Amino acid sequence: MECIGLTYATPHSLHEVIRILVEERQVPLETTLHLLTTNPAQNMGLQQTKAGIAPGYDADFVV
């Protein structure tokens, strides 16, 4: 599948963004996770299958 205008992030780079927002910018973790998961899914019209941990959602989850 070709995604024009979209990029992906490695788990390492996402971890770094989370660390910077929470530790250096004092953004609450809940807000940070929302910015990096729910908002992009909604912007792409994927909120019914992405950005959630629930029955029917894709298992795109990194621990």
PDB file of N, CA and C in Angstrom:
ATOM      1  N   MET A   1       0.843  -1.182   0.000  1.00  0.00           N
ATOM      2  CA  MET A   1       0.000   0.000   0.000  1.00  0.00           C
ATOM      3  C   MET A   1       0.881   1.235   0.000  1.00  0.00           C
ATOM      4  N   GLU A   2       0.585   2.162  -0.864  1.00  0.00           N
ATOM      5  CA  GLU A   2       1.350   3.391  -0.958  1.00  0.00           C
ATOM      6  C   GLU A   2       0.635   4.481  -0.164  1.00  0.00           C
ATOM      7  N   CYS A   3       1.392   5.165   0.662  1.00  0.00           N
ATOM      8  CA  CYS A   3       0.840   6.261   1.460  1.00  0.00           C
ATOM      9  C   CYS A   3       1.517   7.556   1.028  1.00  0.00           C
ATOM     10  N   ILE A   4       0.838   8.342   0.254  1.00  0.00           N
ATOM     11  CA  ILE A   4       1.395   9.601  -0.226  1.00  0.00           C
ATOM     12  C   ILE A   4       1.157  10.673   0.826  1.00  0.00           C
ATOM     13  N   GLY A   5       2.230  11.351   1.216  1.00  0.00           N
ATOM     14  CA  GLY A   5       2.115  12.428   2.188  1.00  0.00           C
ATOM     15  C   GLY A   5       2.115  11.965   3.630  1.00  0.00           C
ATOM     16  N   LEU A   6       2.219  10.670   3.851  1.00  0.00           N
ATOM     17  CA  LEU A   6       2.243  10.139   5.201  1.00  0.00           C
ATOM     18  C   LEU A   6       3.608   9.528   5.479  1.00  0.00           C
ATOM     19  N   THR A   7       4.018   9.569   6.699  1.00  0.00           N
ATOM     20  CA  THR A   7       5.261   8.920   7.088  1.00  0.00           C
ATOM     21  C   THR A   7       4.976   7.993   8.253  1.00  0.00           C
ATOM     22  N   TYR A   8       5.956   7.227   8.624  1.00  0.00           N
ATOM     23  CA  TYR A   8       5.811   6.360   9.778  1.00  0.00           C
ATOM     24  C   TYR A   8       6.935   6.696  10.756  1.00  0.00           C
ATOM     25  N   ALA A   9       6.795   6.252  11.955  1.00  0.00           N
ATOM     26  CA  ALA A   9       7.814   6.495  12.972  1.00  0.00           C
ATOM     27  C   ALA A   9       8.220   5.164  13.581  1.00  0.00           C
ATOM     28  N   THR A  10       9.485   5.044  13.880  1.00  0.00           N
ATOM     29  CA  THR A  10       9.958   3.845  14.544  1.00  0.00           C
ATOM     30  C   THR A  10       9.567   3.906  16.012  1.00  0.00           C
ATOM     31  N   PRO A  11       9.506   2.780  16.684  1.00  0.00           N
ATOM     32  CA  PRO A  11       9.224   2.814  18.131  1.00  0.00           C
ATOM     33  C   PRO A  11      10.223   3.695  18.888  1.00  0.00           C
ATOM     34  N   HIS A  12      11.488   3.683  18.472  1.00  0.00           N
ATOM     35  CA  HIS A  12      12.493   4.509  19.154  1.00  0.00           C
ATOM     36  C   HIS A  12      12.179   5.994  19.002  1.00  0.00           C
ATOM     37  N   SER A  13      11.819   6.425  17.797  1.00  0.00           N
ATOM     38  CA  SER A  13      11.549   7.852  17.606  1.00  0.00           C
ATOM     39  C   SER A  13      10.271   8.271  18.329  1.00  0.00           C
ATOM     40  N   LEU A  14       9.263   7.400  18.368  1.00  0.00           N
ATOM     41  CA  LEU A  14       8.050   7.727  19.120  1.00  0.00           C
ATOM     42  C   LEU A  14       8.349   7.835  20.607  1.00  0.00           C
ATOM     43  N   HIS A  15       9.181   6.939  21.112  1.00  0.00           N
ATOM     44  CA  HIS A  15       9.566   6.993  22.521  1.00  0.00           C
ATOM     45  C   HIS A  15      10.279   8.306  22.813  1.00  0.00           C
ATOM     46  N   GLU A  16      11.121   8.751  21.917  1.00  0.00           N
ATOM     47  CA  GLU A  16      11.842  10.009  22.111  1.00  0.00           C
ATOM     48  C   GLU A  16      10.888  11.199  22.104  1.00  0.00           C
ATOM     49  N   VAL A  17       9.912  11.198  21.210  1.00  0.00           N
ATOM     50  CA  VAL A  17       8.919  12.279  21.174  1.00  0.00           C
ATOM     51  C   VAL A  17       8.125  12.300  22.481  1.00  0.00           C
ATOM     52  N   ILE A  18       7.711  11.132  22.945  1.00  0.00           N
ATOM     53  CA  ILE A  18       6.974  11.055  24.208  1.00  0.00           C
ATOM     54  C   ILE A  18       7.826  11.583  25.353  1.00  0.00           C
ATOM     55  N   ARG A  19       9.081  11.165  25.407  1.00  0.00           N
ATOM     56  CA  ARG A  19       9.984  11.618  26.470  1.00  0.00           C
ATOM     57  C   ARG A  19      10.145  13.136  26.451  1.00  0.00           C
ATOM     58  N   ILE A  20      10.364  13.703  25.293  1.00  0.00           N
ATOM     59  CA  ILE A  20      10.555  15.155  25.185  1.00  0.00           C
ATOM     60  C   ILE A  20       9.300  15.902  25.623  1.00  0.00           C
ATOM     61  N   LEU A  21       8.140  15.469  25.119  1.00  0.00           N
ATOM     62  CA  LEU A  21       6.904  16.167  25.480  1.00  0.00           C
ATOM     63  C   LEU A  21       6.613  16.092  26.971  1.00  0.00           C
ATOM     64  N   VAL A  22       6.797  14.920  27.559  1.00  0.00           N
ATOM     65  CA  VAL A  22       6.458  14.733  28.972  1.00  0.00           C
ATOM     66  C   VAL A  22       7.517  15.334  29.889  1.00  0.00           C
ATOM     67  N   GLU A  23       8.785  14.999  29.663  1.00  0.00           N
ATOM     68  CA  GLU A  23       9.836  15.426  30.586  1.00  0.00           C
ATOM     69  C   GLU A  23      10.287  16.866  30.360  1.00  0.00           C
ATOM     70  N   GLU A  24      10.490  17.248  29.108  1.00  0.00           N
ATOM     71  CA  GLU A  24      11.052  18.561  28.840  1.00  0.00           C
ATOM     72  C   GLU A  24       9.994  19.643  28.658  1.00  0.00           C
ATOM     73  N   ARG A  25       8.860  19.278  28.066  1.00  0.00           N
ATOM     74  CA  ARG A  25       7.812  20.272  27.786  1.00  0.00           C
ATOM     75  C   ARG A  25       6.687  20.246  28.805  1.00  0.00           C
ATOM     76  N   GLN A  26       6.738  19.290  29.735  1.00  0.00           N
ATOM     77  CA  GLN A  26       5.751  19.176  30.813  1.00  0.00           C
ATOM     78  C   GLN A  26       4.324  18.934  30.311  1.00  0.00           C
ATOM     79  N   VAL A  27       4.183  18.263  29.177  1.00  0.00           N
ATOM     80  CA  VAL A  27       2.863  17.901  28.665  1.00  0.00           C
ATOM     81  C   VAL A  27       2.443  16.621  29.383  1.00  0.00           C
ATOM     82  N   PRO A  28       1.238  16.569  29.943  1.00  0.00           N
ATOM     83  CA  PRO A  28       0.795  15.351  30.629  1.00  0.00           C
ATOM     84  C   PRO A  28       0.855  14.134  29.701  1.00  0.00           C
ATOM     85  N   LEU A  29       1.208  12.991  30.256  1.00  0.00           N
ATOM     86  CA  LEU A  29       1.335  11.763  29.460  1.00  0.00           C
ATOM     87  C   LEU A  29       0.044  11.440  28.722  1.00  0.00           C
ATOM     88  N   GLU A  30      -1.096  11.580  29.379  1.00  0.00           N
ATOM     89  CA  GLU A  30      -2.374  11.283  28.728  1.00  0.00           C
ATOM     90  C   GLU A  30      -2.579  12.153  27.486  1.00  0.00           C
ATOM     91  N   THR A  31      -2.247  13.427  27.587  1.00  0.00           N
ATOM     92  CA  THR A  31      -2.368  14.347  26.456  1.00  0.00           C
ATOM     93  C   THR A  31      -1.401  13.963  25.343  1.00  0.00           C
ATOM     94  N   THR A  32      -0.173  13.618  25.724  1.00  0.00           N
ATOM     95  CA  THR A  32       0.843  13.228  24.753  1.00  0.00           C
ATOM     96  C   THR A  32       0.402  11.995  23.969  1.00  0.00           C
ATOM     97  N   LEU A  33      -0.084  10.974  24.672  1.00  0.00           N
ATOM     98  CA  LEU A  33      -0.520   9.752  23.995  1.00  0.00           C
ATOM     99  C   LEU A  33      -1.708  10.014  23.075  1.00  0.00           C
ATOM    100  N   HIS A  34      -2.601  10.887  23.496  1.00  0.00           N
ATOM    101  CA  HIS A  34      -3.751  11.247  22.667  1.00  0.00           C
ATOM    102  C   HIS A  34      -3.279  11.927  21.379  1.00  0.00           C
ATOM    103  N   LEU A  35      -2.313  12.836  21.507  1.00  0.00           N
ATOM    104  CA  LEU A  35      -1.782  13.544  20.338  1.00  0.00           C
ATOM    105  C   LEU A  35      -1.157  12.591  19.328  1.00  0.00           C
ATOM    106  N   LEU A  36      -0.519  11.537  19.826  1.00  0.00           N
ATOM    107  CA  LEU A  36       0.221  10.628  18.952  1.00  0.00           C
ATOM    108  C   LEU A  36      -0.581   9.416  18.486  1.00  0.00           C
ATOM    109  N   THR A  37      -1.794   9.231  18.996  1.00  0.00           N
ATOM    110  CA  THR A  37      -2.568   8.049  18.606  1.00  0.00           C
ATOM    111  C   THR A  37      -3.959   8.412  18.090  1.00  0.00           C
ATOM    112  N   THR A  38      -4.784   8.936  18.930  1.00  0.00           N
ATOM    113  CA  THR A  38      -6.178   9.196  18.567  1.00  0.00           C
ATOM    114  C   THR A  38      -6.312  10.283  17.513  1.00  0.00           C
ATOM    115  N   ASN A  39      -5.621  11.392  17.688  1.00  0.00           N
ATOM    116  CA  ASN A  39      -5.758  12.491  16.727  1.00  0.00           C
ATOM    117  C   ASN A  39      -5.374  12.081  15.308  1.00  0.00           C
ATOM    118  N   PRO A  40      -4.212  11.430  15.095  1.00  0.00           N
ATOM    119  CA  PRO A  40      -3.885  11.007  13.721  1.00  0.00           C
ATOM    120  C   PRO A  40      -4.904  10.023  13.144  1.00  0.00           C
ATOM    121  N   ALA A  41      -5.383   9.096  13.958  1.00  0.00           N
ATOM    122  CA  ALA A  41      -6.378   8.134  13.473  1.00  0.00           C
ATOM    123  C   ALA A  41      -7.649   8.851  13.045  1.00  0.00           C
ATOM    124  N   GLN A  42      -8.085   9.821  13.821  1.00  0.00           N
ATOM    125  CA  GLN A  42      -9.288  10.577  13.468  1.00  0.00           C
ATOM    126  C   GLN A  42      -9.058  11.389  12.196  1.00  0.00           C
ATOM    127  N   ASN A  43      -7.883  11.993  12.063  1.00  0.00           N
ATOM    128  CA  ASN A  43      -7.584  12.795  10.875  1.00  0.00           C
ATOM    129  C   ASN A  43      -7.590  11.957   9.601  1.00  0.00           C
ATOM    130  N   MET A  44      -7.257  10.680   9.717  1.00  0.00           N
ATOM    131  CA  MET A  44      -7.235   9.796   8.552  1.00  0.00           C
ATOM    132  C   MET A  44      -8.520   8.979   8.416  1.00  0.00           C
ATOM    133  N   GLY A  45      -9.499   9.226   9.285  1.00  0.00           N
ATOM    134  CA  GLY A  45     -10.765   8.504   9.215  1.00  0.00           C
ATOM    135  C   GLY A  45     -10.657   7.056   9.652  1.00  0.00           C
ATOM    136  N   LEU A  46      -9.701   6.745  10.524  1.00  0.00           N
ATOM    137  CA  LEU A  46      -9.471   5.362  10.955  1.00  0.00           C
ATOM    138  C   LEU A  46      -9.832   5.119  12.416  1.00  0.00           C
ATOM    139  N   GLN A  47     -10.594   6.002  13.010  1.00  0.00           N
ATOM    140  CA  GLN A  47     -10.886   5.897  14.441  1.00  0.00           C
ATOM    141  C   GLN A  47     -11.696   4.661  14.813  1.00  0.00           C
ATOM    142  N   GLN A  48     -12.310   4.001  13.839  1.00  0.00           N
ATOM    143  CA  GLN A  48     -13.082   2.793  14.139  1.00  0.00           C
ATOM    144  C   GLN A  48     -12.223   1.537  14.210  1.00  0.00           C
ATOM    145  N   THR A  49     -10.966   1.615  13.728  1.00  0.00           N
ATOM    146  CA  THR A  49     -10.098   0.434  13.728  1.00  0.00           C
ATOM    147  C   THR A  49      -8.714   0.697  14.296  1.00  0.00           C
ATOM    148  N   LYS A  50      -8.375   1.944  14.564  1.00  0.00           N
ATOM    149  CA  LYS A  50      -7.044   2.305  15.058  1.00  0.00           C
ATOM    150  C   LYS A  50      -7.167   3.138  16.335  1.00  0.00           C
ATOM    151  N   ALA A  51      -6.053   3.291  17.028  1.00  0.00           N
ATOM    152  CA  ALA A  51      -5.935   4.194  18.181  1.00  0.00           C
ATOM    153  C   ALA A  51      -6.782   3.765  19.372  1.00  0.00           C
ATOM    154  N   GLY A  52      -7.027   2.491  19.478  1.00  0.00           N
ATOM    155  CA  GLY A  52      -7.760   2.001  20.626  1.00  0.00           C
ATOM    156  C   GLY A  52      -7.406   0.558  20.915  1.00  0.00           C
ATOM    157  N   ILE A  53      -7.623   0.159  22.132  1.00  0.00           N
ATOM    158  CA  ILE A  53      -7.452  -1.244  22.514  1.00  0.00           C
ATOM    159  C   ILE A  53      -8.830  -1.750  22.896  1.00  0.00           C
ATOM    160  N   ALA A  54      -9.472  -2.389  21.920  1.00  0.00           N
ATOM    161  CA  ALA A  54     -10.840  -2.851  22.117  1.00  0.00           C
ATOM    162  C   ALA A  54     -11.156  -3.897  21.055  1.00  0.00           C
ATOM    163  N   PRO A  55     -12.180  -4.705  21.297  1.00  0.00           N
ATOM    164  CA  PRO A  55     -12.578  -5.681  20.278  1.00  0.00           C
ATOM    165  C   PRO A  55     -12.852  -4.994  18.952  1.00  0.00           C
ATOM    166  N   GLY A  56     -12.328  -5.561  17.876  1.00  0.00           N
ATOM    167  CA  GLY A  56     -12.547  -5.008  16.544  1.00  0.00           C
ATOM    168  C   GLY A  56     -11.472  -4.053  16.076  1.00  0.00           C
ATOM    169  N   TYR A  57     -10.622  -3.602  16.971  1.00  0.00           N
ATOM    170  CA  TYR A  57      -9.539  -2.697  16.594  1.00  0.00           C
ATOM    171  C   TYR A  57      -8.334  -3.514  16.131  1.00  0.00           C
ATOM    172  N   ASP A  58      -7.531  -2.915  15.234  1.00  0.00           N
ATOM    173  CA  ASP A  58      -6.302  -3.568  14.795  1.00  0.00           C
ATOM    174  C   ASP A  58      -5.344  -3.695  15.967  1.00  0.00           C
ATOM    175  N   ALA A  59      -4.546  -4.728  15.949  1.00  0.00           N
ATOM    176  CA  ALA A  59      -3.605  -4.992  17.049  1.00  0.00           C
ATOM    177  C   ALA A  59      -2.262  -4.314  16.777  1.00  0.00           C
ATOM    178  N   ASP A  60      -2.279  -3.027  16.517  1.00  0.00           N
ATOM    179  CA  ASP A  60      -1.059  -2.252  16.301  1.00  0.00           C
ATOM    180  C   ASP A  60      -0.617  -1.681  17.654  1.00  0.00           C
ATOM    181  N   PHE A  61       0.137  -2.464  18.400  1.00  0.00           N
ATOM    182  CA  PHE A  61       0.470  -2.065  19.766  1.00  0.00           C
ATOM    183  C   PHE A  61       1.916  -2.434  20.051  1.00  0.00           C
ATOM    184  N   VAL A  62       2.689  -1.504  20.551  1.00  0.00           N
ATOM    185  CA  VAL A  62       4.084  -1.739  20.887  1.00  0.00           C
ATOM    186  C   VAL A  62       4.275  -1.522  22.378  1.00  0.00           C
ATOM    187  N   VAL A  63       4.901  -2.481  23.027  1.00  0.00           N
ATOM    188  CA  VAL A  63       5.175  -2.350  24.465  1.00  0.00           C
ATOM    189  C   VAL A  63       6.655  -2.095  24.653  1.00  0.00           C
TER     190      VAL A  63
END
